[in-house]
PDB file of N, CA and C in Angstrom:
ATOM      1  N   UNK A   1      98.722  61.685-174.420  1.00  0.00           N
ATOM      2  CA  UNK A   1      98.167  62.975-174.055  1.00  0.00           C
ATOM      3  C   UNK A   1      97.905  63.753-175.332  1.00  0.00           C
ATOM      4  N   UNK A   2      96.711  64.212-175.473  1.00  0.00           N
ATOM      5  CA  UNK A   2      96.360  65.074-176.594  1.00  0.00           C
ATOM      6  C   UNK A   2      96.366  66.508-176.098  1.00  0.00           C
ATOM      7  N   UNK A   3      96.938  67.388-176.894  1.00  0.00           N
ATOM      8  CA  UNK A   3      97.046  68.799-176.523  1.00  0.00           C
ATOM      9  C   UNK A   3      95.948  69.595-177.219  1.00  0.00           C
ATOM     10  N   UNK A   4      94.731  69.064-177.162  1.00  0.00           N
ATOM     11  CA  UNK A   4      93.598  69.757-177.742  1.00  0.00           C
ATOM     12  C   UNK A   4      93.054  70.762-176.744  1.00  0.00           C
ATOM     13  N   UNK A   5      92.463  71.812-177.238  1.00  0.00           N
ATOM     14  CA  UNK A   5      91.879  72.869-176.402  1.00  0.00           C
ATOM     15  C   UNK A   5      92.915  73.485-175.466  1.00  0.00           C
ATOM     16  N   UNK A   6      94.151  73.589-175.948  1.00  0.00           N
ATOM     17  CA  UNK A   6      95.221  74.240-175.189  1.00  0.00           C
ATOM     18  C   UNK A   6      95.578  75.517-175.938  1.00  0.00           C
ATOM     19  N   UNK A   7      95.100  76.660-175.464  1.00  0.00           N
ATOM     20  CA  UNK A   7      95.357  77.914-176.177  1.00  0.00           C
ATOM     21  C   UNK A   7      96.797  78.393-176.004  1.00  0.00           C
ATOM     22  N   UNK A   8      97.247  79.173-176.957  1.00  0.00           N
ATOM     23  CA  UNK A   8      98.552  79.814-176.844  1.00  0.00           C
ATOM     24  C   UNK A   8      98.443  80.915-175.801  1.00  0.00           C
ATOM     25  N   UNK A   9      99.362  80.932-174.824  1.00  0.00           N
ATOM     26  CA  UNK A   9      99.323  81.955-173.780  1.00  0.00           C
ATOM     27  C   UNK A   9     100.619  81.949-173.004  1.00  0.00           C
ATOM     28  N   UNK A  10     100.834  83.016-172.275  1.00  0.00           N
ATOM     29  CA  UNK A  10     101.937  83.123-171.331  1.00  0.00           C
ATOM     30  C   UNK A  10     101.346  82.955-169.941  1.00  0.00           C
ATOM     31  N   UNK A  11     102.003  82.167-169.105  1.00  0.00           N
ATOM     32  CA  UNK A  11     101.505  81.932-167.748  1.00  0.00           C
ATOM     33  C   UNK A  11     102.380  82.704-166.770  1.00  0.00           C
ATOM     34  N   UNK A  12     101.785  83.660-166.074  1.00  0.00           N
ATOM     35  CA  UNK A  12     102.474  84.389-164.999  1.00  0.00           C
ATOM     36  C   UNK A  12     102.184  83.618-163.708  1.00  0.00           C
ATOM     37  N   UNK A  13     103.071  82.710-163.354  1.00  0.00           N
ATOM     38  CA  UNK A  13     102.840  81.803-162.232  1.00  0.00           C
ATOM     39  C   UNK A  13     102.530  82.540-160.930  1.00  0.00           C
ATOM     40  N   UNK A  14     103.191  83.674-160.721  1.00  0.00           N
ATOM     41  CA  UNK A  14     102.970  84.415-159.478  1.00  0.00           C
ATOM     42  C   UNK A  14     101.556  84.985-159.376  1.00  0.00           C
ATOM     43  N   UNK A  15     100.831  85.048-160.500  1.00  0.00           N
ATOM     44  CA  UNK A  15      99.469  85.572-160.464  1.00  0.00           C
ATOM     45  C   UNK A  15      98.423  84.489-160.196  1.00  0.00           C
ATOM     46  N   UNK A  16      98.831  83.222-160.243  1.00  0.00           N
ATOM     47  CA  UNK A  16      97.892  82.123-160.004  1.00  0.00           C
ATOM     48  C   UNK A  16      97.726  81.864-158.514  1.00  0.00           C
ATOM     49  N   UNK A  17      96.569  81.390-158.110  1.00  0.00           N
ATOM     50  CA  UNK A  17      96.392  81.038-156.695  1.00  0.00           C
ATOM     51  C   UNK A  17      97.235  79.814-156.354  1.00  0.00           C
ATOM     52  N   UNK A  18      97.704  79.767-155.132  1.00  0.00           N
ATOM     53  CA  UNK A  18      98.502  78.631-154.664  1.00  0.00           C
ATOM     54  C   UNK A  18      97.635  77.752-153.766  1.00  0.00           C
ATOM     55  N   UNK A  19      97.795  76.468-153.910  1.00  0.00           N
ATOM     56  CA  UNK A  19      97.122  75.503-153.058  1.00  0.00           C
ATOM     57  C   UNK A  19      98.189  74.803-152.232  1.00  0.00           C
ATOM     58  N   UNK A  20      97.991  74.737-150.929  1.00  0.00           N
ATOM     59  CA  UNK A  20      98.932  74.031-150.063  1.00  0.00           C
ATOM     60  C   UNK A  20      98.390  72.631-149.822  1.00  0.00           C
ATOM     61  N   UNK A  21      99.204  71.646-150.187  1.00  0.00           N
ATOM     62  CA  UNK A  21      98.818  70.249-150.053  1.00  0.00           C
ATOM     63  C   UNK A  21      99.681  69.604-148.970  1.00  0.00           C
ATOM     64  N   UNK A  22      99.091  69.256-147.835  1.00  0.00           N
ATOM     65  CA  UNK A  22      99.887  68.594-146.804  1.00  0.00           C
ATOM     66  C   UNK A  22     100.258  67.179-147.235  1.00  0.00           C
ATOM     67  N   UNK A  23     101.457  66.768-146.895  1.00  0.00           N
ATOM     68  CA  UNK A  23     101.872  65.392-147.140  1.00  0.00           C
ATOM     69  C   UNK A  23     101.775  64.607-145.850  1.00  0.00           C
ATOM     70  N   UNK A  24     102.255  63.371-145.858  1.00  0.00           N
ATOM     71  CA  UNK A  24     102.360  62.607-144.619  1.00  0.00           C
ATOM     72  C   UNK A  24     103.301  63.363-143.686  1.00  0.00           C
ATOM     73  N   UNK A  25     104.342  63.963-144.284  1.00  0.00           N
ATOM     74  CA  UNK A  25     105.210  64.922-143.602  1.00  0.00           C
ATOM     75  C   UNK A  25     105.463  66.056-144.580  1.00  0.00           C
ATOM     76  N   UNK A  26     105.667  67.250-144.073  1.00  0.00           N
ATOM     77  CA  UNK A  26     105.918  68.407-144.933  1.00  0.00           C
ATOM     78  C   UNK A  26     104.688  68.793-145.733  1.00  0.00           C
ATOM     79  N   UNK A  27     104.905  69.675-146.703  1.00  0.00           N
ATOM     80  CA  UNK A  27     103.798  70.132-147.543  1.00  0.00           C
ATOM     81  C   UNK A  27     104.323  70.517-148.918  1.00  0.00           C
ATOM     82  N   UNK A  28     103.384  70.664-149.840  1.00  0.00           N
ATOM     83  CA  UNK A  28     103.710  71.098-151.199  1.00  0.00           C
ATOM     84  C   UNK A  28     102.829  72.288-151.535  1.00  0.00           C
ATOM     85  N   UNK A  29     103.444  73.318-152.119  1.00  0.00           N
ATOM     86  CA  UNK A  29     102.691  74.448-152.650  1.00  0.00           C
ATOM     87  C   UNK A  29     102.540  74.202-154.142  1.00  0.00           C
ATOM     88  N   UNK A  30     101.296  74.283-154.632  1.00  0.00           N
ATOM     89  CA  UNK A  30     101.007  73.924-156.013  1.00  0.00           C
ATOM     90  C   UNK A  30     100.299  75.076-156.718  1.00  0.00           C
ATOM     91  N   UNK A  31     100.844  75.483-157.856  1.00  0.00           N
ATOM     92  CA  UNK A  31     100.218  76.445-158.754  1.00  0.00           C
ATOM     93  C   UNK A  31      99.826  75.659-159.995  1.00  0.00           C
ATOM     94  N   UNK A  32      98.571  75.806-160.464  1.00  0.00           N
ATOM     95  CA  UNK A  32      98.077  75.003-161.587  1.00  0.00           C
ATOM     96  C   UNK A  32      97.479  75.887-162.658  1.00  0.00           C
ATOM     97  N   UNK A  33      97.838  75.600-163.908  1.00  0.00           N
ATOM     98  CA  UNK A  33      97.195  76.198-165.074  1.00  0.00           C
ATOM     99  C   UNK A  33      96.564  75.049-165.851  1.00  0.00           C
ATOM    100  N   UNK A  34      95.233  75.040-165.897  1.00  0.00           N
ATOM    101  CA  UNK A  34      94.494  73.951-166.533  1.00  0.00           C
ATOM    102  C   UNK A  34      93.979  74.411-167.892  1.00  0.00           C
ATOM    103  N   UNK A  35      94.207  73.600-168.916  1.00  0.00           N
ATOM    104  CA  UNK A  35      93.676  73.865-170.257  1.00  0.00           C
ATOM    105  C   UNK A  35      93.123  72.559-170.794  1.00  0.00           C
ATOM    106  N   UNK A  36      91.803  72.445-170.846  1.00  0.00           N
ATOM    107  CA  UNK A  36      91.202  71.177-171.270  1.00  0.00           C
ATOM    108  C   UNK A  36      91.616  70.089-170.290  1.00  0.00           C
ATOM    109  N   UNK A  37      92.137  68.995-170.817  1.00  0.00           N
ATOM    110  CA  UNK A  37      92.563  67.882-169.966  1.00  0.00           C
ATOM    111  C   UNK A  37      94.025  67.986-169.547  1.00  0.00           C
ATOM    112  N   UNK A  38      94.724  69.025-169.974  1.00  0.00           N
ATOM    113  CA  UNK A  38      96.146  69.172-169.671  1.00  0.00           C
ATOM    114  C   UNK A  38      96.342  70.142-168.510  1.00  0.00           C
ATOM    115  N   UNK A  39      97.062  69.681-167.478  1.00  0.00           N
ATOM    116  CA  UNK A  39      97.381  70.536-166.341  1.00  0.00           C
ATOM    117  C   UNK A  39      98.887  70.793-166.323  1.00  0.00           C
ATOM    118  N   UNK A  40      99.248  72.063-166.259  1.00  0.00           N
ATOM    119  CA  UNK A  40     100.639  72.465-166.051  1.00  0.00           C
ATOM    120  C   UNK A  40     100.739  72.883-164.591  1.00  0.00           C
ATOM    121  N   UNK A  41     101.770  72.409-163.911  1.00  0.00           N
ATOM    122  CA  UNK A  41     101.887  72.710-162.487  1.00  0.00           C
ATOM    123  C   UNK A  41     103.318  73.111-162.125  1.00  0.00           C
ATOM    124  N   UNK A  42     103.390  74.092-161.252  1.00  0.00           N
ATOM    125  CA  UNK A  42     104.644  74.411-160.573  1.00  0.00           C
ATOM    126  C   UNK A  42     104.431  73.942-159.139  1.00  0.00           C
ATOM    127  N   UNK A  43     105.322  73.079-158.666  1.00  0.00           N
ATOM    128  CA  UNK A  43     105.157  72.510-157.330  1.00  0.00           C
ATOM    129  C   UNK A  43     106.443  72.733-156.543  1.00  0.00           C
ATOM    130  N   UNK A  44     106.288  73.306-155.343  1.00  0.00           N
ATOM    131  CA  UNK A  44     107.417  73.496-154.439  1.00  0.00           C
ATOM    132  C   UNK A  44     107.201  72.602-153.222  1.00  0.00           C
ATOM    133  N   UNK A  45     108.059  71.603-153.072  1.00  0.00           N
ATOM    134  CA  UNK A  45     107.991  70.665-151.957  1.00  0.00           C
ATOM    135  C   UNK A  45     108.877  71.171-150.827  1.00  0.00           C
ATOM    136  N   UNK A  46     108.361  71.173-149.604  1.00  0.00           N
ATOM    137  CA  UNK A  46     109.158  71.587-148.452  1.00  0.00           C
ATOM    138  C   UNK A  46     110.182  70.511-148.117  1.00  0.00           C
ATOM    139  N   UNK A  47     111.214  70.890-147.388  1.00  0.00           N
ATOM    140  CA  UNK A  47     112.164  69.906-146.875  1.00  0.00           C
ATOM    141  C   UNK A  47     111.387  68.907-146.025  1.00  0.00           C
ATOM    142  N   UNK A  48     111.721  67.641-146.157  1.00  0.00           N
ATOM    143  CA  UNK A  48     111.053  66.605-145.387  1.00  0.00           C
ATOM    144  C   UNK A  48     109.704  66.178-145.926  1.00  0.00           C
ATOM    145  N   UNK A  49     109.332  66.642-147.131  1.00  0.00           N
ATOM    146  CA  UNK A  49     108.032  66.265-147.705  1.00  0.00           C
ATOM    147  C   UNK A  49     108.010  64.785-148.056  1.00  0.00           C
ATOM    148  N   UNK A  50     106.918  64.137-147.734  1.00  0.00           N
ATOM    149  CA  UNK A  50     106.624  62.765-148.177  1.00  0.00           C
ATOM    150  C   UNK A  50     105.140  62.717-148.510  1.00  0.00           C
ATOM    151  N   UNK A  51     104.817  62.272-149.726  1.00  0.00           N
ATOM    152  CA  UNK A  51     103.413  62.191-150.148  1.00  0.00           C
ATOM    153  C   UNK A  51     102.621  61.294-149.209  1.00  0.00           C
ATOM    154  N   UNK A  52     101.357  61.629-149.036  1.00  0.00           N
ATOM    155  CA  UNK A  52     100.494  60.853-148.146  1.00  0.00           C
ATOM    156  C   UNK A  52      99.619  59.861-148.909  1.00  0.00           C
ATOM    157  N   UNK A  53      99.909  59.666-150.197  1.00  0.00           N
ATOM    158  CA  UNK A  53      99.094  58.768-151.014  1.00  0.00           C
ATOM    159  C   UNK A  53      99.923  58.208-152.173  1.00  0.00           C
ATOM    160  N   UNK A  54      99.474  57.117-152.730  1.00  0.00           N
ATOM    161  CA  UNK A  54     100.042  56.552-153.952  1.00  0.00           C
ATOM    162  C   UNK A  54      99.257  57.117-155.124  1.00  0.00           C
ATOM    163  N   UNK A  55      99.952  57.468-156.198  1.00  0.00           N
ATOM    164  CA  UNK A  55      99.334  58.089-157.379  1.00  0.00           C
ATOM    165  C   UNK A  55      99.407  57.131-158.566  1.00  0.00           C
ATOM    166  N   UNK A  56      98.346  57.061-159.350  1.00  0.00           N
ATOM    167  CA  UNK A  56      98.317  56.210-160.539  1.00  0.00           C
ATOM    168  C   UNK A  56      98.430  57.012-161.833  1.00  0.00           C
ATOM    169  N   UNK A  57      98.314  58.339-161.744  1.00  0.00           N
ATOM    170  CA  UNK A  57      98.298  59.214-162.919  1.00  0.00           C
ATOM    171  C   UNK A  57      99.700  59.358-163.508  1.00  0.00           C
ATOM    172  N   UNK A  58      99.780  59.513-164.811  1.00  0.00           N
ATOM    173  CA  UNK A  58     101.055  59.742-165.479  1.00  0.00           C
ATOM    174  C   UNK A  58     101.503  61.195-165.350  1.00  0.00           C
ATOM    175  N   UNK A  59     102.813  61.403-165.391  1.00  0.00           N
ATOM    176  CA  UNK A  59     103.392  62.741-165.285  1.00  0.00           C
ATOM    177  C   UNK A  59     104.621  62.855-166.171  1.00  0.00           C
ATOM    178  N   UNK A  60     104.855  64.057-166.664  1.00  0.00           N
ATOM    179  CA  UNK A  60     106.129  64.463-167.243  1.00  0.00           C
ATOM    180  C   UNK A  60     106.591  65.613-166.369  1.00  0.00           C
ATOM    181  N   UNK A  61     107.820  65.569-165.856  1.00  0.00           N
ATOM    182  CA  UNK A  61     108.238  66.619-164.929  1.00  0.00           C
ATOM    183  C   UNK A  61     109.718  66.923-165.071  1.00  0.00           C
ATOM    184  N   UNK A  62     110.049  68.180-164.825  1.00  0.00           N
ATOM    185  CA  UNK A  62     111.420  68.671-164.807  1.00  0.00           C
ATOM    186  C   UNK A  62     111.695  69.202-163.410  1.00  0.00           C
ATOM    187  N   UNK A  63     112.772  68.730-162.784  1.00  0.00           N
ATOM    188  CA  UNK A  63     113.152  69.216-161.465  1.00  0.00           C
ATOM    189  C   UNK A  63     113.973  70.494-161.667  1.00  0.00           C
ATOM    190  N   UNK A  64     113.447  71.600-161.177  1.00  0.00           N
ATOM    191  CA  UNK A  64     114.081  72.906-161.352  1.00  0.00           C
ATOM    192  C   UNK A  64     115.100  73.198-160.259  1.00  0.00           C
ATOM    193  N   UNK A  65     114.831  72.724-159.045  1.00  0.00           N
ATOM    194  CA  UNK A  65     115.729  72.964-157.912  1.00  0.00           C
ATOM    195  C   UNK A  65     115.588  71.823-156.918  1.00  0.00           C
ATOM    196  N   UNK A  66     116.650  71.539-156.192  1.00  0.00           N
ATOM    197  CA  UNK A  66     116.626  70.480-155.191  1.00  0.00           C
ATOM    198  C   UNK A  66     116.661  69.113-155.831  1.00  0.00           C
ATOM    199  N   UNK A  67     116.154  68.134-155.122  1.00  0.00           N
ATOM    200  CA  UNK A  67     116.076  66.770-155.659  1.00  0.00           C
ATOM    201  C   UNK A  67     114.856  66.078-155.070  1.00  0.00           C
ATOM    202  N   UNK A  68     114.383  65.098-155.799  1.00  0.00           N
ATOM    203  CA  UNK A  68     113.140  64.415-155.466  1.00  0.00           C
ATOM    204  C   UNK A  68     113.346  62.930-155.704  1.00  0.00           C
ATOM    205  N   UNK A  69     112.794  62.110-154.850  1.00  0.00           N
ATOM    206  CA  UNK A  69     112.811  60.670-155.073  1.00  0.00           C
ATOM    207  C   UNK A  69     111.385  60.241-155.383  1.00  0.00           C
ATOM    208  N   UNK A  70     111.242  59.541-156.503  1.00  0.00           N
ATOM    209  CA  UNK A  70     109.960  58.976-156.888  1.00  0.00           C
ATOM    210  C   UNK A  70     110.048  57.489-156.589  1.00  0.00           C
ATOM    211  N   UNK A  71     109.214  57.018-155.677  1.00  0.00           N
ATOM    212  CA  UNK A  71     109.229  55.597-155.351  1.00  0.00           C
ATOM    213  C   UNK A  71     107.950  54.953-155.851  1.00  0.00           C
ATOM    214  N   UNK A  72     108.096  53.724-156.324  1.00  0.00           N
ATOM    215  CA  UNK A  72     106.972  52.949-156.832  1.00  0.00           C
ATOM    216  C   UNK A  72     106.596  51.886-155.811  1.00  0.00           C
ATOM    217  N   UNK A  73     105.340  51.553-155.785  1.00  0.00           N
ATOM    218  CA  UNK A  73     104.857  50.555-154.851  1.00  0.00           C
ATOM    219  C   UNK A  73     105.529  49.196-155.081  1.00  0.00           C
ATOM    220  N   UNK A  74     105.987  48.947-156.315  1.00  0.00           N
ATOM    221  CA  UNK A  74     106.636  47.665-156.618  1.00  0.00           C
ATOM    222  C   UNK A  74     108.122  47.641-156.248  1.00  0.00           C
ATOM    223  N   UNK A  75     108.629  48.719-155.621  1.00  0.00           N
ATOM    224  CA  UNK A  75     110.019  48.737-155.160  1.00  0.00           C
ATOM    225  C   UNK A  75     110.978  49.553-156.014  1.00  0.00           C
ATOM    226  N   UNK A  76     110.591  49.889-157.244  1.00  0.00           N
ATOM    227  CA  UNK A  76     111.452  50.745-158.068  1.00  0.00           C
ATOM    228  C   UNK A  76     111.516  52.135-157.475  1.00  0.00           C
ATOM    229  N   UNK A  77     112.585  52.877-157.802  1.00  0.00           N
ATOM    230  CA  UNK A  77     112.641  54.291-157.407  1.00  0.00           C
ATOM    231  C   UNK A  77     113.535  55.053-158.372  1.00  0.00           C
ATOM    232  N   UNK A  78     113.249  56.345-158.503  1.00  0.00           N
ATOM    233  CA  UNK A  78     114.052  57.276-159.296  1.00  0.00           C
ATOM    234  C   UNK A  78     114.543  58.362-158.360  1.00  0.00           C
ATOM    235  N   UNK A  79     115.822  58.641-158.380  1.00  0.00           N
ATOM    236  CA  UNK A  79     116.385  59.782-157.653  1.00  0.00           C
ATOM    237  C   UNK A  79     116.613  60.856-158.712  1.00  0.00           C
ATOM    238  N   UNK A  80     115.862  61.950-158.646  1.00  0.00           N
ATOM    239  CA  UNK A  80     115.856  62.948-159.716  1.00  0.00           C
ATOM    240  C   UNK A  80     116.413  64.269-159.187  1.00  0.00           C
ATOM    241  N   UNK A  81     117.564  64.668-159.701  1.00  0.00           N
ATOM    242  CA  UNK A  81     118.240  65.894-159.264  1.00  0.00           C
ATOM    243  C   UNK A  81     117.846  67.070-160.150  1.00  0.00           C
ATOM    244  N   UNK A  82     118.107  68.275-159.654  1.00  0.00           N
ATOM    245  CA  UNK A  82     117.837  69.496-160.420  1.00  0.00           C
ATOM    246  C   UNK A  82     118.483  69.392-161.798  1.00  0.00           C
ATOM    247  N   UNK A  83     117.718  69.786-162.807  1.00  0.00           N
ATOM    248  CA  UNK A  83     118.193  69.724-164.186  1.00  0.00           C
ATOM    249  C   UNK A  83     117.818  68.437-164.890  1.00  0.00           C
ATOM    250  N   UNK A  84     117.305  67.462-164.154  1.00  0.00           N
ATOM    251  CA  UNK A  84     116.866  66.190-164.737  1.00  0.00           C
ATOM    252  C   UNK A  84     115.342  66.165-164.777  1.00  0.00           C
ATOM    253  N   UNK A  85     114.838  65.277-165.601  1.00  0.00           N
ATOM    254  CA  UNK A  85     113.390  65.133-165.692  1.00  0.00           C
ATOM    255  C   UNK A  85     113.009  63.678-165.472  1.00  0.00           C
ATOM    256  N   UNK A  86     111.719  63.450-165.270  1.00  0.00           N
ATOM    257  CA  UNK A  86     111.221  62.079-165.186  1.00  0.00           C
ATOM    258  C   UNK A  86     109.885  62.005-165.893  1.00  0.00           C
ATOM    259  N   UNK A  87     109.562  60.806-166.324  1.00  0.00           N
ATOM    260  CA  UNK A  87     108.272  60.573-166.956  1.00  0.00           C
ATOM    261  C   UNK A  87     107.716  59.263-166.428  1.00  0.00           C
ATOM    262  N   UNK A  88     106.425  59.281-166.181  1.00  0.00           N
ATOM    263  CA  UNK A  88     105.698  58.107-165.709  1.00  0.00           C
ATOM    264  C   UNK A  88     104.422  58.046-166.520  1.00  0.00           C
ATOM    265  N   UNK A  89     104.189  56.934-167.177  1.00  0.00           N
ATOM    266  CA  UNK A  89     102.980  56.791-167.974  1.00  0.00           C
ATOM    267  C   UNK A  89     101.784  56.406-167.124  1.00  0.00           C
ATOM    268  N   UNK A  90     100.606  56.769-167.595  1.00  0.00           N
ATOM    269  CA  UNK A  90      99.386  56.302-166.937  1.00  0.00           C
ATOM    270  C   UNK A  90      99.465  54.781-166.856  1.00  0.00           C
ATOM    271  N   UNK A  91      99.215  54.225-165.700  1.00  0.00           N
ATOM    272  CA  UNK A  91      99.231  52.781-165.540  1.00  0.00           C
ATOM    273  C   UNK A  91     100.608  52.168-165.389  1.00  0.00           C
ATOM    274  N   UNK A  92     101.664  52.982-165.237  1.00  0.00           N
ATOM    275  CA  UNK A  92     103.032  52.459-165.097  1.00  0.00           C
ATOM    276  C   UNK A  92     103.357  52.104-163.648  1.00  0.00           C
ATOM    277  N   UNK A  93     102.389  52.091-162.801  1.00  0.00           N
ATOM    278  CA  UNK A  93     102.613  51.693-161.414  1.00  0.00           C
ATOM    279  C   UNK A  93     102.302  52.806-160.443  1.00  0.00           C
ATOM    280  N   UNK A  94     101.786  52.418-159.289  1.00  0.00           N
ATOM    281  CA  UNK A  94     101.514  53.401-158.248  1.00  0.00           C
ATOM    282  C   UNK A  94     102.824  53.976-157.747  1.00  0.00           C
ATOM    283  N   UNK A  95     102.839  55.297-157.551  1.00  0.00           N
ATOM    284  CA  UNK A  95     104.075  55.969-157.177  1.00  0.00           C
ATOM    285  C   UNK A  95     103.773  57.136-156.236  1.00  0.00           C
ATOM    286  N   UNK A  96     104.818  57.589-155.538  1.00  0.00           N
ATOM    287  CA  UNK A  96     104.708  58.767-154.675  1.00  0.00           C
ATOM    288  C   UNK A  96     106.086  59.410-154.590  1.00  0.00           C
ATOM    289  N   UNK A  97     106.091  60.658-154.104  1.00  0.00           N
ATOM    290  CA  UNK A  97     107.337  61.428-154.068  1.00  0.00           C
ATOM    291  C   UNK A  97     107.724  61.754-152.639  1.00  0.00           C
ATOM    292  N   UNK A  98     109.038  61.896-152.448  1.00  0.00           N
ATOM    293  CA  UNK A  98     109.531  62.459-151.195  1.00  0.00           C
ATOM    294  C   UNK A  98     110.845  63.182-151.453  1.00  0.00           C
ATOM    295  N   UNK A  99     111.190  64.076-150.540  1.00  0.00           N
ATOM    296  CA  UNK A  99     112.421  64.836-150.632  1.00  0.00           C
ATOM    297  C   UNK A  99     112.920  65.153-149.235  1.00  0.00           C
ATOM    298  N   UNK A 100     114.208  65.034-149.044  1.00  0.00           N
ATOM    299  CA  UNK A 100     114.799  65.376-147.745  1.00  0.00           C
ATOM    300  C   UNK A 100     115.008  66.881-147.620  1.00  0.00           C
ATOM    301  N   UNK A 101     115.514  67.497-148.694  1.00  0.00           N
ATOM    302  CA  UNK A 101     115.935  68.898-148.623  1.00  0.00           C
ATOM    303  C   UNK A 101     115.015  69.872-149.331  1.00  0.00           C
ATOM    304  N   UNK A 102     113.942  69.385-149.951  1.00  0.00           N
ATOM    305  CA  UNK A 102     113.039  70.243-150.695  1.00  0.00           C
ATOM    306  C   UNK A 102     113.323  70.178-152.183  1.00  0.00           C
ATOM    307  N   UNK A 103     112.337  70.527-152.990  1.00  0.00           N
ATOM    308  CA  UNK A 103     112.485  70.502-154.447  1.00  0.00           C
ATOM    309  C   UNK A 103     111.408  71.373-155.077  1.00  0.00           C
ATOM    310  N   UNK A 104     111.716  71.866-156.264  1.00  0.00           N
ATOM    311  CA  UNK A 104     110.753  72.579-157.101  1.00  0.00           C
ATOM    312  C   UNK A 104     110.703  71.882-158.440  1.00  0.00           C
ATOM    313  N   UNK A 105     109.494  71.584-158.913  1.00  0.00           N
ATOM    314  CA  UNK A 105     109.350  70.918-160.215  1.00  0.00           C
ATOM    315  C   UNK A 105     108.324  71.646-161.066  1.00  0.00           C
ATOM    316  N   UNK A 106     108.409  71.410-162.361  1.00  0.00           N
ATOM    317  CA  UNK A 106     107.393  71.813-163.330  1.00  0.00           C
ATOM    318  C   UNK A 106     106.856  70.528-163.903  1.00  0.00           C
ATOM    319  N   UNK A 107     105.541  70.303-163.848  1.00  0.00           N
ATOM    320  CA  UNK A 107     104.990  69.050-164.357  1.00  0.00           C
ATOM    321  C   UNK A 107     103.858  69.288-165.340  1.00  0.00           C
ATOM    322  N   UNK A 108     103.668  68.302-166.191  1.00  0.00           N
ATOM    323  CA  UNK A 108     102.575  68.279-167.156  1.00  0.00           C
ATOM    324  C   UNK A 108     101.853  66.959-166.948  1.00  0.00           C
ATOM    325  N   UNK A 109     100.557  67.036-166.730  1.00  0.00           N
ATOM    326  CA  UNK A 109      99.789  65.792-166.603  1.00  0.00           C
ATOM    327  C   UNK A 109      98.338  66.032-166.979  1.00  0.00           C
TER     328      UNK A 109
END
């Protein structure tokens, strides 16, 4: 990831528009700050959220609250609790997220 065309700024997350993304179950509220090719996101997953698709894109993420399970199509999985982070490289395998009790993350992709 190159951090080109990323200006210095403070992001007031509450001032950004929220997008609600339905999952196979539950939903995710997503706030995005885009700078060039870099997207910073605050994502709040509802209890019972399960992604409705497999993702191939890489992510760096910090779980701020709750816990999240990242499962890979090849059978691997990460159980990520609040205060922990995860990283997935582009091309490291199709993956998706789910949570039983809800979670909030900050991601860079």
